[in-house]
Amino acid sequence: MSQGTHALEGSALAAYEAFAPFYDRYTADHGHDEWMADVDAILRGYGAPGDRLLDVACGTGKSFVPMLARGWRVTACDISPAMVERGVRSSAPAGRFASQTCATFPGGAPSTPQPASTIP
């Protein structure tokens, strides 16, 4: 990777780490549940096979938590460990998912969702 790419990744990571504590309030009126209901209907309408979803750039889980509630198994990742940690906490009542930072994702997603409480 080029020097510029590393600098951009570092600045994005720093920005999202700093933004994580405020992200849910900032996006409170974005209608994630309604939006994901539409996504769910489209997936089911087209006969999407299986019940697994991948949420890249999952943030604090505002998109994948509604999908957990609809019966999907979710693998989620984000560049920001602080965002992932908030996603773990927000998903605990909704069910199981596998999550990790994008930095560790290229090694492969866990094949079996894990209880949110066991994910660092």
PDB file of N, CA and C in Angstrom:
ATOM      1  N   MET A   1       0.831  -1.183   0.000  1.00  0.00           N
ATOM      2  CA  MET A   1       0.000   0.000   0.000  1.00  0.00           C
ATOM      3  C   MET A   1       0.876   1.246   0.000  1.00  0.00           C
ATOM      4  N   SER A   2       0.345   2.290  -0.580  1.00  0.00           N
ATOM      5  CA  SER A   2       1.126   3.519  -0.647  1.00  0.00           C
ATOM      6  C   SER A   2       1.088   4.253   0.688  1.00  0.00           C
ATOM      7  N   GLN A   3       2.028   5.139   0.844  1.00  0.00           N
ATOM      8  CA  GLN A   3       2.099   5.948   2.071  1.00  0.00           C
ATOM      9  C   GLN A   3       0.800   6.734   2.264  1.00  0.00           C
ATOM     10  N   GLY A   4       0.234   7.257   1.171  1.00  0.00           N
ATOM     11  CA  GLY A   4      -1.017   8.009   1.255  1.00  0.00           C
ATOM     12  C   GLY A   4      -2.188   7.164   1.733  1.00  0.00           C
ATOM     13  N   THR A   5      -2.222   5.906   1.306  1.00  0.00           N
ATOM     14  CA  THR A   5      -3.293   5.009   1.732  1.00  0.00           C
ATOM     15  C   THR A   5      -3.213   4.750   3.230  1.00  0.00           C
ATOM     16  N   HIS A   6      -2.003   4.528   3.756  1.00  0.00           N
ATOM     17  CA  HIS A   6      -1.845   4.320   5.195  1.00  0.00           C
ATOM     18  C   HIS A   6      -2.265   5.557   5.979  1.00  0.00           C
ATOM     19  N   ALA A   7      -1.924   6.728   5.477  1.00  0.00           N
ATOM     20  CA  ALA A   7      -2.297   7.965   6.160  1.00  0.00           C
ATOM     21  C   ALA A   7      -3.811   8.123   6.187  1.00  0.00           C
ATOM     22  N   LEU A   8      -4.466   7.799   5.069  1.00  0.00           N
ATOM     23  CA  LEU A   8      -5.920   7.901   5.002  1.00  0.00           C
ATOM     24  C   LEU A   8      -6.578   6.926   5.967  1.00  0.00           C
ATOM     25  N   GLU A   9      -6.092   5.683   6.014  1.00  0.00           N
ATOM     26  CA  GLU A   9      -6.643   4.706   6.952  1.00  0.00           C
ATOM     27  C   GLU A   9      -6.483   5.182   8.383  1.00  0.00           C
ATOM     28  N   GLY A  10      -5.327   5.724   8.706  1.00  0.00           N
ATOM     29  CA  GLY A  10      -5.088   6.219  10.061  1.00  0.00           C
ATOM     30  C   GLY A  10      -6.006   7.372  10.420  1.00  0.00           C
ATOM     31  N   SER A  11      -6.229   8.284   9.469  1.00  0.00           N
ATOM     32  CA  SER A  11      -7.090   9.418   9.768  1.00  0.00           C
ATOM     33  C   SER A  11      -8.548   8.982   9.882  1.00  0.00           C
ATOM     34  N   ALA A  12      -8.979   8.008   9.063  1.00  0.00           N
ATOM     35  CA  ALA A  12     -10.350   7.501   9.168  1.00  0.00           C
ATOM     36  C   ALA A  12     -10.549   6.787  10.496  1.00  0.00           C
ATOM     37  N   LEU A  13      -9.575   5.978  10.876  1.00  0.00           N
ATOM     38  CA  LEU A  13      -9.658   5.277  12.154  1.00  0.00           C
ATOM     39  C   LEU A  13      -9.757   6.274  13.300  1.00  0.00           C
ATOM     40  N   ALA A  14      -8.900   7.267  13.299  1.00  0.00           N
ATOM     41  CA  ALA A  14      -8.921   8.271  14.373  1.00  0.00           C
ATOM     42  C   ALA A  14     -10.257   9.002  14.408  1.00  0.00           C
ATOM     43  N   ALA A  15     -10.783   9.333  13.234  1.00  0.00           N
ATOM     44  CA  ALA A  15     -12.055  10.062  13.178  1.00  0.00           C
ATOM     45  C   ALA A  15     -13.203   9.225  13.737  1.00  0.00           C
ATOM     46  N   TYR A  16     -13.283   7.968  13.323  1.00  0.00           N
ATOM     47  CA  TYR A  16     -14.388   7.126  13.801  1.00  0.00           C
ATOM     48  C   TYR A  16     -14.231   6.721  15.255  1.00  0.00           C
ATOM     49  N   GLU A  17     -13.014   6.565  15.717  1.00  0.00           N
ATOM     50  CA  GLU A  17     -12.803   6.297  17.141  1.00  0.00           C
ATOM     51  C   GLU A  17     -13.316   7.483  17.968  1.00  0.00           C
ATOM     52  N   ALA A  18     -13.029   8.691  17.510  1.00  0.00           N
ATOM     53  CA  ALA A  18     -13.484   9.886  18.234  1.00  0.00           C
ATOM     54  C   ALA A  18     -14.994  10.075  18.121  1.00  0.00           C
ATOM     55  N   PHE A  19     -15.574   9.685  16.983  1.00  0.00           N
ATOM     56  CA  PHE A  19     -17.002   9.883  16.707  1.00  0.00           C
ATOM     57  C   PHE A  19     -17.878   8.827  17.380  1.00  0.00           C
ATOM     58  N   ALA A  20     -17.318   7.669  17.710  1.00  0.00           N
ATOM     59  CA  ALA A  20     -18.094   6.541  18.224  1.00  0.00           C
ATOM     60  C   ALA A  20     -19.024   6.901  19.387  1.00  0.00           C
ATOM     61  N   PRO A  21     -18.567   7.669  20.386  1.00  0.00           N
ATOM     62  CA  PRO A  21     -19.465   7.959  21.511  1.00  0.00           C
ATOM     63  C   PRO A  21     -20.692   8.800  21.127  1.00  0.00           C
ATOM     64  N   PHE A  22     -20.633   9.477  19.995  1.00  0.00           N
ATOM     65  CA  PHE A  22     -21.701  10.397  19.593  1.00  0.00           C
ATOM     66  C   PHE A  22     -22.506   9.883  18.406  1.00  0.00           C
ATOM     67  N   TYR A  23     -22.042   8.816  17.781  1.00  0.00           N
ATOM     68  CA  TYR A  23     -22.609   8.344  16.526  1.00  0.00           C
ATOM     69  C   TYR A  23     -24.102   8.031  16.624  1.00  0.00           C
ATOM     70  N   ASP A  24     -24.517   7.319  17.653  1.00  0.00           N
ATOM     71  CA  ASP A  24     -25.927   6.942  17.767  1.00  0.00           C
ATOM     72  C   ASP A  24     -26.838   8.160  17.921  1.00  0.00           C
ATOM     73  N   ARG A  25     -26.396   9.136  18.672  1.00  0.00           N
ATOM     74  CA  ARG A  25     -27.208  10.363  18.780  1.00  0.00           C
ATOM     75  C   ARG A  25     -27.253  11.101  17.452  1.00  0.00           C
ATOM     76  N   TYR A  26     -26.122  11.142  16.741  1.00  0.00           N
ATOM     77  CA  TYR A  26     -26.045  11.843  15.463  1.00  0.00           C
ATOM     78  C   TYR A  26     -26.967  11.208  14.421  1.00  0.00           C
ATOM     79  N   THR A  27     -27.106   9.895  14.458  1.00  0.00           N
ATOM     80  CA  THR A  27     -27.915   9.185  13.458  1.00  0.00           C
ATOM     81  C   THR A  27     -29.273   8.749  14.003  1.00  0.00           C
ATOM     82  N   ALA A  28     -29.696   9.309  15.112  1.00  0.00           N
ATOM     83  CA  ALA A  28     -30.932   8.869  15.780  1.00  0.00           C
ATOM     84  C   ALA A  28     -32.166   8.960  14.892  1.00  0.00           C
ATOM     85  N   ASP A  29     -32.214   9.907  13.985  1.00  0.00           N
ATOM     86  CA  ASP A  29     -33.410  10.077  13.157  1.00  0.00           C
ATOM     87  C   ASP A  29     -33.235   9.544  11.733  1.00  0.00           C
ATOM     88  N   HIS A  30     -32.299   8.641  11.537  1.00  0.00           N
ATOM     89  CA  HIS A  30     -32.044   8.120  10.194  1.00  0.00           C
ATOM     90  C   HIS A  30     -32.954   6.967   9.792  1.00  0.00           C
ATOM     91  N   GLY A  31     -33.802   6.485  10.673  1.00  0.00           N
ATOM     92  CA  GLY A  31     -34.785   5.459  10.324  1.00  0.00           C
ATOM     93  C   GLY A  31     -34.182   4.129   9.903  1.00  0.00           C
ATOM     94  N   HIS A  32     -33.164   3.688  10.632  1.00  0.00           N
ATOM     95  CA  HIS A  32     -32.502   2.431  10.278  1.00  0.00           C
ATOM     96  C   HIS A  32     -33.474   1.246  10.264  1.00  0.00           C
ATOM     97  N   ASP A  33     -34.364   1.167  11.238  1.00  0.00           N
ATOM     98  CA  ASP A  33     -35.273   0.020  11.299  1.00  0.00           C
ATOM     99  C   ASP A  33     -36.180  -0.024  10.072  1.00  0.00           C
ATOM    100  N   GLU A  34     -36.727   1.107   9.678  1.00  0.00           N
ATOM    101  CA  GLU A  34     -37.593   1.153   8.505  1.00  0.00           C
ATOM    102  C   GLU A  34     -36.807   0.827   7.236  1.00  0.00           C
ATOM    103  N   TRP A  35     -35.601   1.372   7.128  1.00  0.00           N
ATOM    104  CA  TRP A  35     -34.756   1.127   5.970  1.00  0.00           C
ATOM    105  C   TRP A  35     -34.424  -0.363   5.872  1.00  0.00           C
ATOM    106  N   MET A  36     -34.061  -0.970   7.004  1.00  0.00           N
ATOM    107  CA  MET A  36     -33.690  -2.378   6.986  1.00  0.00           C
ATOM    108  C   MET A  36     -34.909  -3.273   6.768  1.00  0.00           C
ATOM    109  N   ALA A  37     -36.110  -2.817   7.144  1.00  0.00           N
ATOM    110  CA  ALA A  37     -37.326  -3.564   6.812  1.00  0.00           C
ATOM    111  C   ALA A  37     -37.483  -3.638   5.297  1.00  0.00           C
ATOM    112  N   ASP A  38     -37.188  -2.537   4.617  1.00  0.00           N
ATOM    113  CA  ASP A  38     -37.233  -2.525   3.153  1.00  0.00           C
ATOM    114  C   ASP A  38     -36.179  -3.471   2.570  1.00  0.00           C
ATOM    115  N   VAL A  39     -34.954  -3.428   3.107  1.00  0.00           N
ATOM    116  CA  VAL A  39     -33.889  -4.315   2.637  1.00  0.00           C
ATOM    117  C   VAL A  39     -34.300  -5.771   2.845  1.00  0.00           C
ATOM    118  N   ASP A  40     -34.854  -6.078   4.006  1.00  0.00           N
ATOM    119  CA  ASP A  40     -35.301  -7.439   4.302  1.00  0.00           C
ATOM    120  C   ASP A  40     -36.360  -7.884   3.290  1.00  0.00           C
ATOM    121  N   ALA A  41     -37.328  -7.023   3.014  1.00  0.00           N
ATOM    122  CA  ALA A  41     -38.390  -7.362   2.062  1.00  0.00           C
ATOM    123  C   ALA A  41     -37.821  -7.598   0.659  1.00  0.00           C
ATOM    124  N   ILE A  42     -36.849  -6.797   0.267  1.00  0.00           N
ATOM    125  CA  ILE A  42     -36.230  -6.974  -1.052  1.00  0.00           C
ATOM    126  C   ILE A  42     -35.484  -8.302  -1.111  1.00  0.00           C
ATOM    127  N   LEU A  43     -34.682  -8.579  -0.074  1.00  0.00           N
ATOM    128  CA  LEU A  43     -33.936  -9.841  -0.042  1.00  0.00           C
ATOM    129  C   LEU A  43     -34.871 -11.042  -0.116  1.00  0.00           C
ATOM    130  N   ARG A  44     -35.910 -11.019   0.684  1.00  0.00           N
ATOM    131  CA  ARG A  44     -36.842 -12.144   0.706  1.00  0.00           C
ATOM    132  C   ARG A  44     -37.659 -12.205  -0.584  1.00  0.00           C
ATOM    133  N   GLY A  45     -38.005 -11.035  -1.123  1.00  0.00           N
ATOM    134  CA  GLY A  45     -38.769 -10.987  -2.374  1.00  0.00           C
ATOM    135  C   GLY A  45     -38.017 -11.579  -3.552  1.00  0.00           C
ATOM    136  N   TYR A  46     -36.708 -11.412  -3.559  1.00  0.00           N
ATOM    137  CA  TYR A  46     -35.894 -11.990  -4.619  1.00  0.00           C
ATOM    138  C   TYR A  46     -35.416 -13.396  -4.284  1.00  0.00           C
ATOM    139  N   GLY A  47     -35.854 -13.916  -3.151  1.00  0.00           N
ATOM    140  CA  GLY A  47     -35.497 -15.282  -2.778  1.00  0.00           C
ATOM    141  C   GLY A  47     -34.040 -15.453  -2.410  1.00  0.00           C
ATOM    142  N   ALA A  48     -33.491 -14.492  -1.683  1.00  0.00           N
ATOM    143  CA  ALA A  48     -32.092 -14.594  -1.260  1.00  0.00           C
ATOM    144  C   ALA A  48     -31.874 -15.919  -0.544  1.00  0.00           C
ATOM    145  N   PRO A  49     -30.846 -16.668  -0.945  1.00  0.00           N
ATOM    146  CA  PRO A  49     -30.607 -17.963  -0.304  1.00  0.00           C
ATOM    147  C   PRO A  49     -30.003 -17.788   1.082  1.00  0.00           C
ATOM    148  N   GLY A  50     -30.373 -18.648   1.983  1.00  0.00           N
ATOM    149  CA  GLY A  50     -29.768 -18.642   3.310  1.00  0.00           C
ATOM    150  C   GLY A  50     -30.289 -17.549   4.215  1.00  0.00           C
ATOM    151  N   ASP A  51     -29.551 -17.390   5.315  1.00  0.00           N
ATOM    152  CA  ASP A  51     -29.965 -16.415   6.328  1.00  0.00           C
ATOM    153  C   ASP A  51     -28.775 -15.623   6.850  1.00  0.00           C
ATOM    154  N   ARG A  52     -27.704 -15.530   6.050  1.00  0.00           N
ATOM    155  CA  ARG A  52     -26.482 -14.847   6.502  1.00  0.00           C
ATOM    156  C   ARG A  52     -26.315 -13.527   5.774  1.00  0.00           C
ATOM    157  N   LEU A  53     -25.889 -12.517   6.526  1.00  0.00           N
ATOM    158  CA  LEU A  53     -25.601 -11.196   5.971  1.00  0.00           C
ATOM    159  C   LEU A  53     -24.216 -10.758   6.388  1.00  0.00           C
ATOM    160  N   LEU A  54     -23.588  -9.950   5.561  1.00  0.00           N
ATOM    161  CA  LEU A  54     -22.315  -9.318   5.870  1.00  0.00           C
ATOM    162  C   LEU A  54     -22.546  -7.821   5.916  1.00  0.00           C
ATOM    163  N   ASP A  55     -22.227  -7.207   7.035  1.00  0.00           N
ATOM    164  CA  ASP A  55     -22.340  -5.753   7.184  1.00  0.00           C
ATOM    165  C   ASP A  55     -20.934  -5.190   7.307  1.00  0.00           C
ATOM    166  N   VAL A  56     -20.438  -4.615   6.218  1.00  0.00           N
ATOM    167  CA  VAL A  56     -19.120  -3.988   6.207  1.00  0.00           C
ATOM    168  C   VAL A  56     -19.312  -2.525   6.567  1.00  0.00           C
ATOM    169  N   ALA A  57     -18.459  -2.017   7.448  1.00  0.00           N
ATOM    170  CA  ALA A  57     -18.600  -0.666   7.997  1.00  0.00           C
ATOM    171  C   ALA A  57     -19.866  -0.619   8.857  1.00  0.00           C
ATOM    172  N   CYS A  58     -19.976  -1.569   9.778  1.00  0.00           N
ATOM    173  CA  CYS A  58     -21.191  -1.750  10.576  1.00  0.00           C
ATOM    174  C   CYS A  58     -21.431  -0.651  11.599  1.00  0.00           C
ATOM    175  N   GLY A  59     -20.418   0.151  11.873  1.00  0.00           N
ATOM    176  CA  GLY A  59     -20.597   1.194  12.871  1.00  0.00           C
ATOM    177  C   GLY A  59     -21.032   0.598  14.202  1.00  0.00           C
ATOM    178  N   THR A  60     -22.051   1.178  14.774  1.00  0.00           N
ATOM    179  CA  THR A  60     -22.529   0.735  16.079  1.00  0.00           C
ATOM    180  C   THR A  60     -23.642  -0.299  15.987  1.00  0.00           C
ATOM    181  N   GLY A  61     -23.906  -0.799  14.799  1.00  0.00           N
ATOM    182  CA  GLY A  61     -24.881  -1.871  14.641  1.00  0.00           C
ATOM    183  C   GLY A  61     -26.291  -1.427  14.316  1.00  0.00           C
ATOM    184  N   LYS A  62     -26.485  -0.163  13.995  1.00  0.00           N
ATOM    185  CA  LYS A  62     -27.843   0.322  13.774  1.00  0.00           C
ATOM    186  C   LYS A  62     -28.521  -0.300  12.562  1.00  0.00           C
ATOM    187  N   SER A  63     -27.758  -0.875  11.652  1.00  0.00           N
ATOM    188  CA  SER A  63     -28.361  -1.581  10.519  1.00  0.00           C
ATOM    189  C   SER A  63     -28.459  -3.079  10.776  1.00  0.00           C
ATOM    190  N   PHE A  64     -27.455  -3.657  11.438  1.00  0.00           N
ATOM    191  CA  PHE A  64     -27.522  -5.111  11.604  1.00  0.00           C
ATOM    192  C   PHE A  64     -28.403  -5.548  12.766  1.00  0.00           C
ATOM    193  N   VAL A  65     -28.609  -4.733  13.777  1.00  0.00           N
ATOM    194  CA  VAL A  65     -29.475  -5.140  14.891  1.00  0.00           C
ATOM    195  C   VAL A  65     -30.905  -5.394  14.410  1.00  0.00           C
ATOM    196  N   PRO A  66     -31.485  -4.529  13.551  1.00  0.00           N
ATOM    197  CA  PRO A  66     -32.825  -4.849  13.035  1.00  0.00           C
ATOM    198  C   PRO A  66     -32.844  -6.139  12.217  1.00  0.00           C
ATOM    199  N   MET A  67     -31.737  -6.458  11.556  1.00  0.00           N
ATOM    200  CA  MET A  67     -31.698  -7.693  10.772  1.00  0.00           C
ATOM    201  C   MET A  67     -31.592  -8.916  11.684  1.00  0.00           C
ATOM    202  N   LEU A  68     -30.888  -8.793  12.800  1.00  0.00           N
ATOM    203  CA  LEU A  68     -30.877  -9.874  13.787  1.00  0.00           C
ATOM    204  C   LEU A  68     -32.291 -10.150  14.276  1.00  0.00           C
ATOM    205  N   ALA A  69     -33.037  -9.083  14.548  1.00  0.00           N
ATOM    206  CA  ALA A  69     -34.407  -9.221  15.040  1.00  0.00           C
ATOM    207  C   ALA A  69     -35.307  -9.886  14.004  1.00  0.00           C
ATOM    208  N   ARG A  70     -34.931  -9.797  12.732  1.00  0.00           N
ATOM    209  CA  ARG A  70     -35.709 -10.410  11.658  1.00  0.00           C
ATOM    210  C   ARG A  70     -35.228 -11.834  11.331  1.00  0.00           C
ATOM    211  N   GLY A  71     -34.303 -12.358  12.137  1.00  0.00           N
ATOM    212  CA  GLY A  71     -33.881 -13.742  11.979  1.00  0.00           C
ATOM    213  C   GLY A  71     -32.625 -13.968  11.152  1.00  0.00           C
ATOM    214  N   TRP A  72     -31.978 -12.916  10.704  1.00  0.00           N
ATOM    215  CA  TRP A  72     -30.739 -13.072   9.942  1.00  0.00           C
ATOM    216  C   TRP A  72     -29.569 -13.317  10.880  1.00  0.00           C
ATOM    217  N   ARG A  73     -28.581 -14.084  10.428  1.00  0.00           N
ATOM    218  CA  ARG A  73     -27.307 -14.235  11.131  1.00  0.00           C
ATOM    219  C   ARG A  73     -26.355 -13.249  10.481  1.00  0.00           C
ATOM    220  N   VAL A  74     -25.684 -12.441  11.272  1.00  0.00           N
ATOM    221  CA  VAL A  74     -24.911 -11.327  10.740  1.00  0.00           C
ATOM    222  C   VAL A  74     -23.445 -11.457  11.110  1.00  0.00           C
ATOM    223  N   THR A  75     -22.592 -11.231  10.119  1.00  0.00           N
ATOM    224  CA  THR A  75     -21.171 -11.023  10.339  1.00  0.00           C
ATOM    225  C   THR A  75     -20.939  -9.546  10.051  1.00  0.00           C
ATOM    226  N   ALA A  76     -20.342  -8.855  10.996  1.00  0.00           N
ATOM    227  CA  ALA A  76     -20.183  -7.413  10.865  1.00  0.00           C
ATOM    228  C   ALA A  76     -18.744  -7.013  11.139  1.00  0.00           C
ATOM    229  N   CYS A  77     -18.287  -5.980  10.450  1.00  0.00           N
ATOM    230  CA  CYS A  77     -16.945  -5.464  10.717  1.00  0.00           C
ATOM    231  C   CYS A  77     -16.927  -3.953  10.531  1.00  0.00           C
ATOM    232  N   ASP A  78     -15.976  -3.337  11.161  1.00  0.00           N
ATOM    233  CA  ASP A  78     -15.791  -1.896  11.052  1.00  0.00           C
ATOM    234  C   ASP A  78     -14.320  -1.593  11.291  1.00  0.00           C
ATOM    235  N   ILE A  79     -13.838  -0.493  10.750  1.00  0.00           N
ATOM    236  CA  ILE A  79     -12.451  -0.094  10.956  1.00  0.00           C
ATOM    237  C   ILE A  79     -12.197   0.340  12.402  1.00  0.00           C
ATOM    238  N   SER A  80     -13.242   0.748  13.082  1.00  0.00           N
ATOM    239  CA  SER A  80     -13.124   1.330  14.417  1.00  0.00           C
ATOM    240  C   SER A  80     -13.468   0.319  15.514  1.00  0.00           C
ATOM    241  N   PRO A  81     -12.494  -0.068  16.338  1.00  0.00           N
ATOM    242  CA  PRO A  81     -12.806  -0.942  17.476  1.00  0.00           C
ATOM    243  C   PRO A  81     -13.848  -0.334  18.416  1.00  0.00           C
ATOM    244  N   ALA A  82     -13.862   0.981  18.561  1.00  0.00           N
ATOM    245  CA  ALA A  82     -14.857   1.623  19.436  1.00  0.00           C
ATOM    246  C   ALA A  82     -16.263   1.459  18.867  1.00  0.00           C
ATOM    247  N   MET A  83     -16.405   1.539  17.552  1.00  0.00           N
ATOM    248  CA  MET A  83     -17.711   1.316  16.925  1.00  0.00           C
ATOM    249  C   MET A  83     -18.129  -0.143  17.096  1.00  0.00           C
ATOM    250  N   VAL A  84     -17.194  -1.073  16.884  1.00  0.00           N
ATOM    251  CA  VAL A  84     -17.503  -2.499  17.036  1.00  0.00           C
ATOM    252  C   VAL A  84     -17.952  -2.801  18.460  1.00  0.00           C
ATOM    253  N   GLU A  85     -17.261  -2.238  19.436  1.00  0.00           N
ATOM    254  CA  GLU A  85     -17.639  -2.471  20.832  1.00  0.00           C
ATOM    255  C   GLU A  85     -19.061  -1.982  21.099  1.00  0.00           C
ATOM    256  N   ARG A  86     -19.434  -0.841  20.564  1.00  0.00           N
ATOM    257  CA  ARG A  86     -20.802  -0.355  20.734  1.00  0.00           C
ATOM    258  C   ARG A  86     -21.790  -1.272  20.015  1.00  0.00           C
ATOM    259  N   GLY A  87     -21.392  -1.817  18.878  1.00  0.00           N
ATOM    260  CA  GLY A  87     -22.245  -2.778  18.180  1.00  0.00           C
ATOM    261  C   GLY A  87     -22.462  -4.036  18.987  1.00  0.00           C
ATOM    262  N   VAL A  88     -21.415  -4.509  19.638  1.00  0.00           N
ATOM    263  CA  VAL A  88     -21.528  -5.678  20.509  1.00  0.00           C
ATOM    264  C   VAL A  88     -22.544  -5.397  21.611  1.00  0.00           C
ATOM    265  N   ARG A  89     -22.410  -4.247  22.247  1.00  0.00           N
ATOM    266  CA  ARG A  89     -23.344  -3.908  23.347  1.00  0.00           C
ATOM    267  C   ARG A  89     -24.768  -3.722  22.844  1.00  0.00           C
ATOM    268  N   SER A  90     -24.942  -3.094  21.679  1.00  0.00           N
ATOM    269  CA  SER A  90     -26.300  -2.840  21.190  1.00  0.00           C
ATOM    270  C   SER A  90     -26.976  -4.105  20.689  1.00  0.00           C
ATOM    271  N   SER A  91     -26.202  -5.113  20.296  1.00  0.00           N
ATOM    272  CA  SER A  91     -26.803  -6.321  19.744  1.00  0.00           C
ATOM    273  C   SER A  91     -27.103  -7.373  20.798  1.00  0.00           C
ATOM    274  N   ALA A  92     -26.586  -7.228  21.984  1.00  0.00           N
ATOM    275  CA  ALA A  92     -26.725  -8.271  22.999  1.00  0.00           C
ATOM    276  C   ALA A  92     -28.173  -8.722  23.205  1.00  0.00           C
ATOM    277  N   PRO A  93     -29.153  -7.821  23.292  1.00  0.00           N
ATOM    278  CA  PRO A  93     -30.520  -8.300  23.492  1.00  0.00           C
ATOM    279  C   PRO A  93     -31.121  -8.932  22.241  1.00  0.00           C
ATOM    280  N   ALA A  94     -30.583  -8.615  21.060  1.00  0.00           N
ATOM    281  CA  ALA A  94     -31.217  -9.037  19.815  1.00  0.00           C
ATOM    282  C   ALA A  94     -30.805 -10.431  19.357  1.00  0.00           C
ATOM    283  N   GLY A  95     -29.685 -10.921  19.789  1.00  0.00           N
ATOM    284  CA  GLY A  95     -29.289 -12.246  19.333  1.00  0.00           C
ATOM    285  C   GLY A  95     -27.801 -12.389  19.148  1.00  0.00           C
ATOM    286  N   ARG A  96     -27.431 -13.266  18.233  1.00  0.00           N
ATOM    287  CA  ARG A  96     -26.033 -13.622  18.031  1.00  0.00           C
ATOM    288  C   ARG A  96     -25.525 -13.045  16.720  1.00  0.00           C
ATOM    289  N   PHE A  97     -24.253 -12.701  16.722  1.00  0.00           N
ATOM    290  CA  PHE A  97     -23.601 -12.249  15.510  1.00  0.00           C
ATOM    291  C   PHE A  97     -22.113 -12.410  15.690  1.00  0.00           C
ATOM    292  N   ALA A  98     -21.387 -12.349  14.602  1.00  0.00           N
ATOM    293  CA  ALA A  98     -19.931 -12.375  14.642  1.00  0.00           C
ATOM    294  C   ALA A  98     -19.456 -11.002  14.227  1.00  0.00           C
ATOM    295  N   SER A  99     -18.491 -10.468  14.931  1.00  0.00           N
ATOM    296  CA  SER A  99     -18.031  -9.122  14.638  1.00  0.00           C
ATOM    297  C   SER A  99     -16.541  -9.022  14.870  1.00  0.00           C
ATOM    298  N   GLN A 100     -15.915  -8.177  14.096  1.00  0.00           N
ATOM    299  CA  GLN A 100     -14.500  -7.904  14.290  1.00  0.00           C
ATOM    300  C   GLN A 100     -14.158  -6.606  13.581  1.00  0.00           C
ATOM    301  N   THR A 101     -12.980  -6.092  13.880  1.00  0.00           N
ATOM    302  CA  THR A 101     -12.564  -4.901  13.163  1.00  0.00           C
ATOM    303  C   THR A 101     -12.157  -5.301  11.760  1.00  0.00           C
ATOM    304  N   CYS A 102     -12.291  -4.387  10.818  1.00  0.00           N
ATOM    305  CA  CYS A 102     -11.930  -4.684   9.434  1.00  0.00           C
ATOM    306  C   CYS A 102     -10.461  -5.034   9.310  1.00  0.00           C
ATOM    307  N   ALA A 103      -9.643  -4.559  10.213  1.00  0.00           N
ATOM    308  CA  ALA A 103      -8.211  -4.848  10.153  1.00  0.00           C
ATOM    309  C   ALA A 103      -7.938  -6.342  10.273  1.00  0.00           C
ATOM    310  N   THR A 104      -8.790  -7.081  10.966  1.00  0.00           N
ATOM    311  CA  THR A 104      -8.579  -8.516  11.128  1.00  0.00           C
ATOM    312  C   THR A 104      -9.435  -9.341  10.183  1.00  0.00           C
ATOM    313  N   PHE A 105     -10.271  -8.714   9.412  1.00  0.00           N
ATOM    314  CA  PHE A 105     -11.238  -9.422   8.572  1.00  0.00           C
ATOM    315  C   PHE A 105     -10.627 -10.246   7.441  1.00  0.00           C
ATOM    316  N   PRO A 106      -9.541  -9.811   6.780  1.00  0.00           N
ATOM    317  CA  PRO A 106      -9.036 -10.593   5.650  1.00  0.00           C
ATOM    318  C   PRO A 106      -8.706 -12.037   5.978  1.00  0.00           C
ATOM    319  N   GLY A 107      -8.448 -12.375   7.224  1.00  0.00           N
ATOM    320  CA  GLY A 107      -8.189 -13.760   7.604  1.00  0.00           C
ATOM    321  C   GLY A 107      -9.420 -14.625   7.517  1.00  0.00           C
ATOM    322  N   GLY A 108     -10.562 -14.013   7.333  1.00  0.00           N
ATOM    323  CA  GLY A 108     -11.809 -14.759   7.185  1.00  0.00           C
ATOM    324  C   GLY A 108     -12.725 -14.522   8.352  1.00  0.00           C
ATOM    325  N   ALA A 109     -13.988 -14.441   8.053  1.00  0.00           N
ATOM    326  CA  ALA A 109     -14.991 -14.241   9.086  1.00  0.00           C
ATOM    327  C   ALA A 109     -15.208 -15.543   9.840  1.00  0.00           C
ATOM    328  N   PRO A 110     -15.551 -15.447  11.102  1.00  0.00           N
ATOM    329  CA  PRO A 110     -15.887 -16.677  11.825  1.00  0.00           C
ATOM    330  C   PRO A 110     -17.023 -17.397  11.114  1.00  0.00           C
ATOM    331  N   SER A 111     -16.957 -18.703  11.027  1.00  0.00           N
ATOM    332  CA  SER A 111     -17.973 -19.456  10.301  1.00  0.00           C
ATOM    333  C   SER A 111     -19.250 -19.624  11.114  1.00  0.00           C
ATOM    334  N   THR A 112     -19.162 -19.480  12.408  1.00  0.00           N
ATOM    335  CA  THR A 112     -20.318 -19.636  13.271  1.00  0.00           C
ATOM    336  C   THR A 112     -20.494 -18.373  14.099  1.00  0.00           C
ATOM    337  N   PRO A 113     -21.673 -17.761  14.061  1.00  0.00           N
ATOM    338  CA  PRO A 113     -21.878 -16.595  14.920  1.00  0.00           C
ATOM    339  C   PRO A 113     -21.597 -16.934  16.367  1.00  0.00           C
ATOM    340  N   GLN A 114     -21.055 -15.963  17.068  1.00  0.00           N
ATOM    341  CA  GLN A 114     -20.698 -16.154  18.469  1.00  0.00           C
ATOM    342  C   GLN A 114     -21.573 -15.271  19.332  1.00  0.00           C
ATOM    343  N   PRO A 115     -21.803 -15.650  20.580  1.00  0.00           N
ATOM    344  CA  PRO A 115     -22.540 -14.747  21.460  1.00  0.00           C
ATOM    345  C   PRO A 115     -21.825 -13.412  21.539  1.00  0.00           C
ATOM    346  N   ALA A 116     -22.572 -12.333  21.437  1.00  0.00           N
ATOM    347  CA  ALA A 116     -21.969 -11.007  21.437  1.00  0.00           C
ATOM    348  C   ALA A 116     -21.099 -10.779  22.667  1.00  0.00           C
ATOM    349  N   SER A 117     -21.458 -11.367  23.773  1.00  0.00           N
ATOM    350  CA  SER A 117     -20.710 -11.147  25.008  1.00  0.00           C
ATOM    351  C   SER A 117     -19.305 -11.730  24.960  1.00  0.00           C
ATOM    352  N   THR A 118     -19.025 -12.635  24.007  1.00  0.00           N
ATOM    353  CA  THR A 118     -17.705 -13.245  23.945  1.00  0.00           C
ATOM    354  C   THR A 118     -16.786 -12.573  22.933  1.00  0.00           C
ATOM    355  N   ILE A 119     -17.275 -11.591  22.226  1.00  0.00           N
ATOM    356  CA  ILE A 119     -16.479 -10.946  21.190  1.00  0.00           C
ATOM    357  C   ILE A 119     -15.784  -9.724  21.763  1.00  0.00           C
ATOM    358  N   PRO A 120     -14.448  -9.652  21.626  1.00  0.00           N
ATOM    359  CA  PRO A 120     -13.731  -8.493  22.193  1.00  0.00           C
ATOM    360  C   PRO A 120     -14.055  -7.207  21.478  1.00  0.00           C
TER     361      PRO A 120
END
